[in-house]
Amino acid sequence: MGTFSIWHWLIVLLIVVMVFGTKKLKNIGTDLGSAVKGFKEGMKEASADEAQQPAAGQVTNAASKASADAIDVQAKEKS
């Protein structure tokens, strides 16, 4: 009783098809597929944007040339 056989799943599938109909199930599948495709494209765009931007703490060449004479110090509070 703990596991379902293939016959249980076939009966459940048959009931789902009878309730929703094949056309509605096809539309749901198409919508789900386009959503997954859009998500994958969004992830590719996000990773491409991250590759173009330097990571936090990194200095680009343009910024290092502009601040070549600057001295980086850490201020201490008076106690």
PDB file of N, CA and C in Angstrom:
ATOM      1  N   MET A   1       0.819  -1.186   0.000  1.00  0.00           N
ATOM      2  CA  MET A   1       0.000   0.000   0.000  1.00  0.00           C
ATOM      3  C   MET A   1       0.869   1.259   0.000  1.00  0.00           C
ATOM      4  N   GLY A   2       2.145   1.144   0.342  1.00  0.00           N
ATOM      5  CA  GLY A   2       3.016   2.309   0.412  1.00  0.00           C
ATOM      6  C   GLY A   2       3.486   2.804  -0.939  1.00  0.00           C
ATOM      7  N   THR A   3       3.582   1.917  -1.931  1.00  0.00           N
ATOM      8  CA  THR A   3       4.044   2.328  -3.257  1.00  0.00           C
ATOM      9  C   THR A   3       2.932   2.151  -4.269  1.00  0.00           C
ATOM     10  N   PHE A   4       3.032   2.927  -5.338  1.00  0.00           N
ATOM     11  CA  PHE A   4       2.035   2.823  -6.395  1.00  0.00           C
ATOM     12  C   PHE A   4       2.624   2.063  -7.570  1.00  0.00           C
ATOM     13  N   SER A   5       1.807   1.239  -8.172  1.00  0.00           N
ATOM     14  CA  SER A   5       2.256   0.496  -9.345  1.00  0.00           C
ATOM     15  C   SER A   5       1.993   1.340 -10.589  1.00  0.00           C
ATOM     16  N   ILE A   6       2.418   0.851 -11.721  1.00  0.00           N
ATOM     17  CA  ILE A   6       2.218   1.560 -12.986  1.00  0.00           C
ATOM     18  C   ILE A   6       0.730   1.705 -13.296  1.00  0.00           C
ATOM     19  N   TRP A   7      -0.067   0.738 -12.850  1.00  0.00           N
ATOM     20  CA  TRP A   7      -1.504   0.795 -13.118  1.00  0.00           C
ATOM     21  C   TRP A   7      -2.165   1.931 -12.348  1.00  0.00           C
ATOM     22  N   HIS A   8      -1.699   2.194 -11.136  1.00  0.00           N
ATOM     23  CA  HIS A   8      -2.246   3.321 -10.380  1.00  0.00           C
ATOM     24  C   HIS A   8      -1.968   4.633 -11.119  1.00  0.00           C
ATOM     25  N   TRP A   9      -0.738   4.790 -11.618  1.00  0.00           N
ATOM     26  CA  TRP A   9      -0.368   6.034 -12.320  1.00  0.00           C
ATOM     27  C   TRP A   9      -1.128   6.179 -13.637  1.00  0.00           C
ATOM     28  N   LEU A  10      -1.361   5.085 -14.336  1.00  0.00           N
ATOM     29  CA  LEU A  10      -2.142   5.153 -15.573  1.00  0.00           C
ATOM     30  C   LEU A  10      -3.582   5.561 -15.308  1.00  0.00           C
ATOM     31  N   ILE A  11      -4.164   5.067 -14.245  1.00  0.00           N
ATOM     32  CA  ILE A  11      -5.529   5.450 -13.886  1.00  0.00           C
ATOM     33  C   ILE A  11      -5.584   6.927 -13.514  1.00  0.00           C
ATOM     34  N   VAL A  12      -4.614   7.411 -12.755  1.00  0.00           N
ATOM     35  CA  VAL A  12      -4.563   8.826 -12.384  1.00  0.00           C
ATOM     36  C   VAL A  12      -4.407   9.687 -13.639  1.00  0.00           C
ATOM     37  N   LEU A  13      -3.550   9.275 -14.560  1.00  0.00           N
ATOM     38  CA  LEU A  13      -3.362  10.009 -15.806  1.00  0.00           C
ATOM     39  C   LEU A  13      -4.649  10.045 -16.623  1.00  0.00           C
ATOM     40  N   LEU A  14      -5.352   8.930 -16.704  1.00  0.00           N
ATOM     41  CA  LEU A  14      -6.615   8.862 -17.433  1.00  0.00           C
ATOM     42  C   LEU A  14      -7.650   9.804 -16.819  1.00  0.00           C
ATOM     43  N   ILE A  15      -7.725   9.851 -15.513  1.00  0.00           N
ATOM     44  CA  ILE A  15      -8.683  10.742 -14.837  1.00  0.00           C
ATOM     45  C   ILE A  15      -8.328  12.205 -15.088  1.00  0.00           C
ATOM     46  N   VAL A  16      -7.046  12.534 -15.043  1.00  0.00           N
ATOM     47  CA  VAL A  16      -6.614  13.908 -15.299  1.00  0.00           C
ATOM     48  C   VAL A  16      -6.967  14.326 -16.722  1.00  0.00           C
ATOM     49  N   VAL A  17      -6.736  13.456 -17.685  1.00  0.00           N
ATOM     50  CA  VAL A  17      -7.061  13.763 -19.082  1.00  0.00           C
ATOM     51  C   VAL A  17      -8.565  13.928 -19.250  1.00  0.00           C
ATOM     52  N   MET A  18      -9.348  13.111 -18.575  1.00  0.00           N
ATOM     53  CA  MET A  18     -10.800  13.219 -18.672  1.00  0.00           C
ATOM     54  C   MET A  18     -11.302  14.509 -18.037  1.00  0.00           C
ATOM     55  N   VAL A  19     -10.706  14.939 -16.940  1.00  0.00           N
ATOM     56  CA  VAL A  19     -11.166  16.147 -16.251  1.00  0.00           C
ATOM     57  C   VAL A  19     -10.769  17.408 -17.016  1.00  0.00           C
ATOM     58  N   PHE A  20      -9.504  17.494 -17.418  1.00  0.00           N
ATOM     59  CA  PHE A  20      -9.013  18.726 -18.033  1.00  0.00           C
ATOM     60  C   PHE A  20      -9.120  18.727 -19.552  1.00  0.00           C
ATOM     61  N   GLY A  21      -9.070  17.599 -20.173  1.00  0.00           N
ATOM     62  CA  GLY A  21      -9.097  17.530 -21.627  1.00  0.00           C
ATOM     63  C   GLY A  21      -7.699  17.684 -22.198  1.00  0.00           C
ATOM     64  N   THR A  22      -7.510  17.142 -23.388  1.00  0.00           N
ATOM     65  CA  THR A  22      -6.183  17.156 -23.985  1.00  0.00           C
ATOM     66  C   THR A  22      -5.771  18.548 -24.440  1.00  0.00           C
ATOM     67  N   LYS A  23      -6.727  19.365 -24.898  1.00  0.00           N
ATOM     68  CA  LYS A  23      -6.383  20.708 -25.380  1.00  0.00           C
ATOM     69  C   LYS A  23      -5.881  21.590 -24.238  1.00  0.00           C
ATOM     70  N   LYS A  24      -6.538  21.534 -23.108  1.00  0.00           N
ATOM     71  CA  LYS A  24      -6.110  22.342 -21.962  1.00  0.00           C
ATOM     72  C   LYS A  24      -4.768  21.862 -21.434  1.00  0.00           C
ATOM     73  N   LEU A  25      -4.535  20.552 -21.408  1.00  0.00           N
ATOM     74  CA  LEU A  25      -3.245  20.023 -20.967  1.00  0.00           C
ATOM     75  C   LEU A  25      -2.132  20.442 -21.933  1.00  0.00           C
ATOM     76  N   LYS A  26      -2.440  20.482 -23.240  1.00  0.00           N
ATOM     77  CA  LYS A  26      -1.450  20.931 -24.221  1.00  0.00           C
ATOM     78  C   LYS A  26      -1.107  22.399 -23.987  1.00  0.00           C
ATOM     79  N   ASN A  27      -2.103  23.229 -23.719  1.00  0.00           N
ATOM     80  CA  ASN A  27      -1.859  24.654 -23.445  1.00  0.00           C
ATOM     81  C   ASN A  27      -1.022  24.839 -22.184  1.00  0.00           C
ATOM     82  N   ILE A  28      -1.297  24.059 -21.167  1.00  0.00           N
ATOM     83  CA  ILE A  28      -0.525  24.149 -19.924  1.00  0.00           C
ATOM     84  C   ILE A  28       0.922  23.748 -20.180  1.00  0.00           C
ATOM     85  N   GLY A  29       1.126  22.691 -20.958  1.00  0.00           N
ATOM     86  CA  GLY A  29       2.476  22.252 -21.288  1.00  0.00           C
ATOM     87  C   GLY A  29       3.235  23.296 -22.095  1.00  0.00           C
ATOM     88  N   THR A  30       2.549  23.924 -23.051  1.00  0.00           N
ATOM     89  CA  THR A  30       3.183  24.970 -23.863  1.00  0.00           C
ATOM     90  C   THR A  30       3.566  26.163 -23.001  1.00  0.00           C
ATOM     91  N   ASP A  31       2.670  26.591 -22.126  1.00  0.00           N
ATOM     92  CA  ASP A  31       2.953  27.717 -21.233  1.00  0.00           C
ATOM     93  C   ASP A  31       4.114  27.406 -20.297  1.00  0.00           C
ATOM     94  N   LEU A  32       4.127  26.208 -19.775  1.00  0.00           N
ATOM     95  CA  LEU A  32       5.213  25.803 -18.880  1.00  0.00           C
ATOM     96  C   LEU A  32       6.550  25.758 -19.624  1.00  0.00           C
ATOM     97  N   GLY A  33       6.537  25.238 -20.838  1.00  0.00           N
ATOM     98  CA  GLY A  33       7.757  25.178 -21.642  1.00  0.00           C
ATOM     99  C   GLY A  33       8.296  26.561 -21.974  1.00  0.00           C
ATOM    100  N   SER A  34       7.412  27.497 -22.332  1.00  0.00           N
ATOM    101  CA  SER A  34       7.873  28.850 -22.642  1.00  0.00           C
ATOM    102  C   SER A  34       8.373  29.564 -21.391  1.00  0.00           C
ATOM    103  N   ALA A  35       7.797  29.268 -20.248  1.00  0.00           N
ATOM    104  CA  ALA A  35       8.269  29.865 -18.999  1.00  0.00           C
ATOM    105  C   ALA A  35       9.668  29.368 -18.652  1.00  0.00           C
ATOM    106  N   VAL A  36       9.909  28.086 -18.839  1.00  0.00           N
ATOM    107  CA  VAL A  36      11.237  27.525 -18.567  1.00  0.00           C
ATOM    108  C   VAL A  36      12.255  28.099 -19.540  1.00  0.00           C
ATOM    109  N   LYS A  37      11.878  28.241 -20.802  1.00  0.00           N
ATOM    110  CA  LYS A  37      12.772  28.807 -21.810  1.00  0.00           C
ATOM    111  C   LYS A  37      13.122  30.256 -21.462  1.00  0.00           C
ATOM    112  N   GLY A  38      12.132  31.040 -21.059  1.00  0.00           N
ATOM    113  CA  GLY A  38      12.381  32.417 -20.651  1.00  0.00           C
ATOM    114  C   GLY A  38      13.275  32.506 -19.428  1.00  0.00           C
ATOM    115  N   PHE A  39      13.096  31.603 -18.497  1.00  0.00           N
ATOM    116  CA  PHE A  39      13.939  31.574 -17.299  1.00  0.00           C
ATOM    117  C   PHE A  39      15.387  31.273 -17.660  1.00  0.00           C
ATOM    118  N   LYS A  40      15.602  30.309 -18.559  1.00  0.00           N
ATOM    119  CA  LYS A  40      16.965  29.960 -18.973  1.00  0.00           C
ATOM    120  C   LYS A  40      17.629  31.130 -19.681  1.00  0.00           C
ATOM    121  N   GLU A  41      16.886  31.827 -20.552  1.00  0.00           N
ATOM    122  CA  GLU A  41      17.447  32.989 -21.249  1.00  0.00           C
ATOM    123  C   GLU A  41      17.796  34.094 -20.261  1.00  0.00           C
ATOM    124  N   GLY A  42      16.960  34.292 -19.276  1.00  0.00           N
ATOM    125  CA  GLY A  42      17.233  35.293 -18.245  1.00  0.00           C
ATOM    126  C   GLY A  42      18.483  34.961 -17.442  1.00  0.00           C
ATOM    127  N   MET A  43      18.682  33.682 -17.153  1.00  0.00           N
ATOM    128  CA  MET A  43      19.873  33.267 -16.418  1.00  0.00           C
ATOM    129  C   MET A  43      21.125  33.473 -17.256  1.00  0.00           C
ATOM    130  N   LYS A  44      21.034  33.229 -18.568  1.00  0.00           N
ATOM    131  CA  LYS A  44      22.178  33.443 -19.457  1.00  0.00           C
ATOM    132  C   LYS A  44      22.525  34.926 -19.519  1.00  0.00           C
ATOM    133  N   GLU A  45      21.503  35.795 -19.603  1.00  0.00           N
ATOM    134  CA  GLU A  45      21.740  37.238 -19.644  1.00  0.00           C
ATOM    135  C   GLU A  45      22.360  37.730 -18.337  1.00  0.00           C
ATOM    136  N   ALA A  46      21.897  37.191 -17.225  1.00  0.00           N
ATOM    137  CA  ALA A  46      22.427  37.607 -15.922  1.00  0.00           C
ATOM    138  C   ALA A  46      23.882  37.183 -15.774  1.00  0.00           C
ATOM    139  N   SER A  47      24.217  35.983 -16.234  1.00  0.00           N
ATOM    140  CA  SER A  47      25.603  35.538 -16.122  1.00  0.00           C
ATOM    141  C   SER A  47      26.503  36.318 -17.074  1.00  0.00           C
ATOM    142  N   ALA A  48      25.972  36.731 -18.230  1.00  0.00           N
ATOM    143  CA  ALA A  48      26.748  37.549 -19.165  1.00  0.00           C
ATOM    144  C   ALA A  48      26.991  38.935 -18.574  1.00  0.00           C
ATOM    145  N   ASP A  49      25.998  39.498 -17.884  1.00  0.00           N
ATOM    146  CA  ASP A  49      26.161  40.804 -17.235  1.00  0.00           C
ATOM    147  C   ASP A  49      27.186  40.728 -16.112  1.00  0.00           C
ATOM    148  N   GLU A  50      27.180  39.644 -15.353  1.00  0.00           N
ATOM    149  CA  GLU A  50      28.139  39.484 -14.260  1.00  0.00           C
ATOM    150  C   GLU A  50      29.552  39.332 -14.802  1.00  0.00           C
ATOM    151  N   ALA A  51      29.691  38.699 -15.955  1.00  0.00           N
ATOM    152  CA  ALA A  51      31.008  38.513 -16.547  1.00  0.00           C
ATOM    153  C   ALA A  51      31.586  39.845 -17.016  1.00  0.00           C
ATOM    154  N   GLN A  52      30.721  40.772 -17.424  1.00  0.00           N
ATOM    155  CA  GLN A  52      31.180  42.071 -17.897  1.00  0.00           C
ATOM    156  C   GLN A  52      31.538  42.996 -16.745  1.00  0.00           C
ATOM    157  N   GLN A  53      30.868  42.867 -15.617  1.00  0.00           N
ATOM    158  CA  GLN A  53      31.123  43.736 -14.475  1.00  0.00           C
ATOM    159  C   GLN A  53      32.205  43.125 -13.594  1.00  0.00           C
ATOM    160  N   PRO A  54      33.132  43.957 -13.060  1.00  0.00           N
ATOM    161  CA  PRO A  54      34.142  43.405 -12.156  1.00  0.00           C
ATOM    162  C   PRO A  54      33.510  43.014 -10.823  1.00  0.00           C
ATOM    163  N   ALA A  55      34.115  42.067 -10.179  1.00  0.00           N
ATOM    164  CA  ALA A  55      33.624  41.627  -8.873  1.00  0.00           C
ATOM    165  C   ALA A  55      33.897  42.698  -7.837  1.00  0.00           C
ATOM    166  N   ALA A  56      33.216  42.628  -6.726  1.00  0.00           N
ATOM    167  CA  ALA A  56      33.385  43.616  -5.659  1.00  0.00           C
ATOM    168  C   ALA A  56      34.817  43.568  -5.150  1.00  0.00           C
ATOM    169  N   GLY A  57      35.446  44.720  -5.034  1.00  0.00           N
ATOM    170  CA  GLY A  57      36.799  44.787  -4.531  1.00  0.00           C
ATOM    171  C   GLY A  57      37.844  44.813  -5.628  1.00  0.00           C
ATOM    172  N   GLN A  58      37.441  44.541  -6.871  1.00  0.00           N
ATOM    173  CA  GLN A  58      38.384  44.577  -7.970  1.00  0.00           C
ATOM    174  C   GLN A  58      38.406  45.972  -8.573  1.00  0.00           C
ATOM    175  N   VAL A  59      39.566  46.398  -9.027  1.00  0.00           N
ATOM    176  CA  VAL A  59      39.723  47.706  -9.638  1.00  0.00           C
ATOM    177  C   VAL A  59      39.946  47.510 -11.124  1.00  0.00           C
ATOM    178  N   THR A  60      39.185  48.250 -11.927  1.00  0.00           N
ATOM    179  CA  THR A  60      39.364  48.154 -13.365  1.00  0.00           C
ATOM    180  C   THR A  60      40.550  48.995 -13.792  1.00  0.00           C
ATOM    181  N   ASN A  61      41.019  48.815 -14.989  1.00  0.00           N
ATOM    182  CA  ASN A  61      42.167  49.572 -15.493  1.00  0.00           C
ATOM    183  C   ASN A  61      41.882  51.067 -15.548  1.00  0.00           C
ATOM    184  N   ALA A  62      40.690  51.461 -15.969  1.00  0.00           N
ATOM    185  CA  ALA A  62      40.345  52.873 -16.067  1.00  0.00           C
ATOM    186  C   ALA A  62      40.353  53.520 -14.684  1.00  0.00           C
ATOM    187  N   ALA A  63      39.848  52.826 -13.691  1.00  0.00           N
ATOM    188  CA  ALA A  63      39.804  53.380 -12.340  1.00  0.00           C
ATOM    189  C   ALA A  63      41.205  53.444 -11.740  1.00  0.00           C
ATOM    190  N   SER A  64      42.045  52.467 -12.043  1.00  0.00           N
ATOM    191  CA  SER A  64      43.387  52.480 -11.463  1.00  0.00           C
ATOM    192  C   SER A  64      44.242  53.566 -12.096  1.00  0.00           C
ATOM    193  N   LYS A  65      44.037  53.881 -13.367  1.00  0.00           N
ATOM    194  CA  LYS A  65      44.780  54.955 -14.019  1.00  0.00           C
ATOM    195  C   LYS A  65      44.353  56.316 -13.473  1.00  0.00           C
ATOM    196  N   ALA A  66      43.068  56.476 -13.204  1.00  0.00           N
ATOM    197  CA  ALA A  66      42.558  57.754 -12.718  1.00  0.00           C
ATOM    198  C   ALA A  66      43.026  58.027 -11.299  1.00  0.00           C
ATOM    199  N   SER A  67      43.186  56.987 -10.497  1.00  0.00           N
ATOM    200  CA  SER A  67      43.561  57.183  -9.111  1.00  0.00           C
ATOM    201  C   SER A  67      44.977  56.665  -8.833  1.00  0.00           C
ATOM    202  N   ALA A  68      45.885  56.813  -9.775  1.00  0.00           N
ATOM    203  CA  ALA A  68      47.243  56.307  -9.601  1.00  0.00           C
ATOM    204  C   ALA A  68      47.989  57.086  -8.516  1.00  0.00           C
ATOM    205  N   ASP A  69      47.656  58.368  -8.331  1.00  0.00           N
ATOM    206  CA  ASP A  69      48.329  59.194  -7.337  1.00  0.00           C
ATOM    207  C   ASP A  69      47.641  59.169  -5.979  1.00  0.00           C
ATOM    208  N   ALA A  70      46.492  58.532  -5.887  1.00  0.00           N
ATOM    209  CA  ALA A  70      45.748  58.517  -4.634  1.00  0.00           C
ATOM    210  C   ALA A  70      46.371  57.528  -3.660  1.00  0.00           C
ATOM    211  N   ILE A  71      46.287  57.858  -2.387  1.00  0.00           N
ATOM    212  CA  ILE A  71      46.801  56.983  -1.331  1.00  0.00           C
ATOM    213  C   ILE A  71      45.603  56.417  -0.588  1.00  0.00           C
ATOM    214  N   ASP A  72      45.594  55.117  -0.457  1.00  0.00           N
ATOM    215  CA  ASP A  72      44.502  54.451   0.228  1.00  0.00           C
ATOM    216  C   ASP A  72      44.879  54.245   1.687  1.00  0.00           C
ATOM    217  N   VAL A  73      44.141  54.876   2.583  1.00  0.00           N
ATOM    218  CA  VAL A  73      44.407  54.740   4.013  1.00  0.00           C
ATOM    219  C   VAL A  73      43.120  54.402   4.731  1.00  0.00           C
ATOM    220  N   GLN A  74      43.267  53.917   5.941  1.00  0.00           N
ATOM    221  CA  GLN A  74      42.114  53.605   6.766  1.00  0.00           C
ATOM    222  C   GLN A  74      42.113  54.546   7.955  1.00  0.00           C
ATOM    223  N   ALA A  75      41.027  55.253   8.155  1.00  0.00           N
ATOM    224  CA  ALA A  75      40.942  56.221   9.246  1.00  0.00           C
ATOM    225  C   ALA A  75      40.661  55.502  10.558  1.00  0.00           C
ATOM    226  N   LYS A  76      41.279  55.971  11.623  1.00  0.00           N
ATOM    227  CA  LYS A  76      41.057  55.407  12.957  1.00  0.00           C
ATOM    228  C   LYS A  76      40.346  56.444  13.797  1.00  0.00           C
ATOM    229  N   GLU A  77      39.457  56.002  14.654  1.00  0.00           N
ATOM    230  CA  GLU A  77      38.746  56.918  15.525  1.00  0.00           C
ATOM    231  C   GLU A  77      39.601  57.229  16.749  1.00  0.00           C
ATOM    232  N   LYS A  78      39.435  58.462  17.240  1.00  0.00           N
ATOM    233  CA  LYS A  78      40.126  58.829  18.481  1.00  0.00           C
ATOM    234  C   LYS A  78      39.416  58.185  19.643  1.00  0.00           C
ATOM    235  N   SER A  79      40.193  57.705  20.601  1.00  0.00           N
ATOM    236  CA  SER A  79      39.539  57.102  21.760  1.00  0.00           C
ATOM    237  C   SER A  79      39.815  57.895  22.995  1.00  0.00           C
TER     238      SER A  79
END
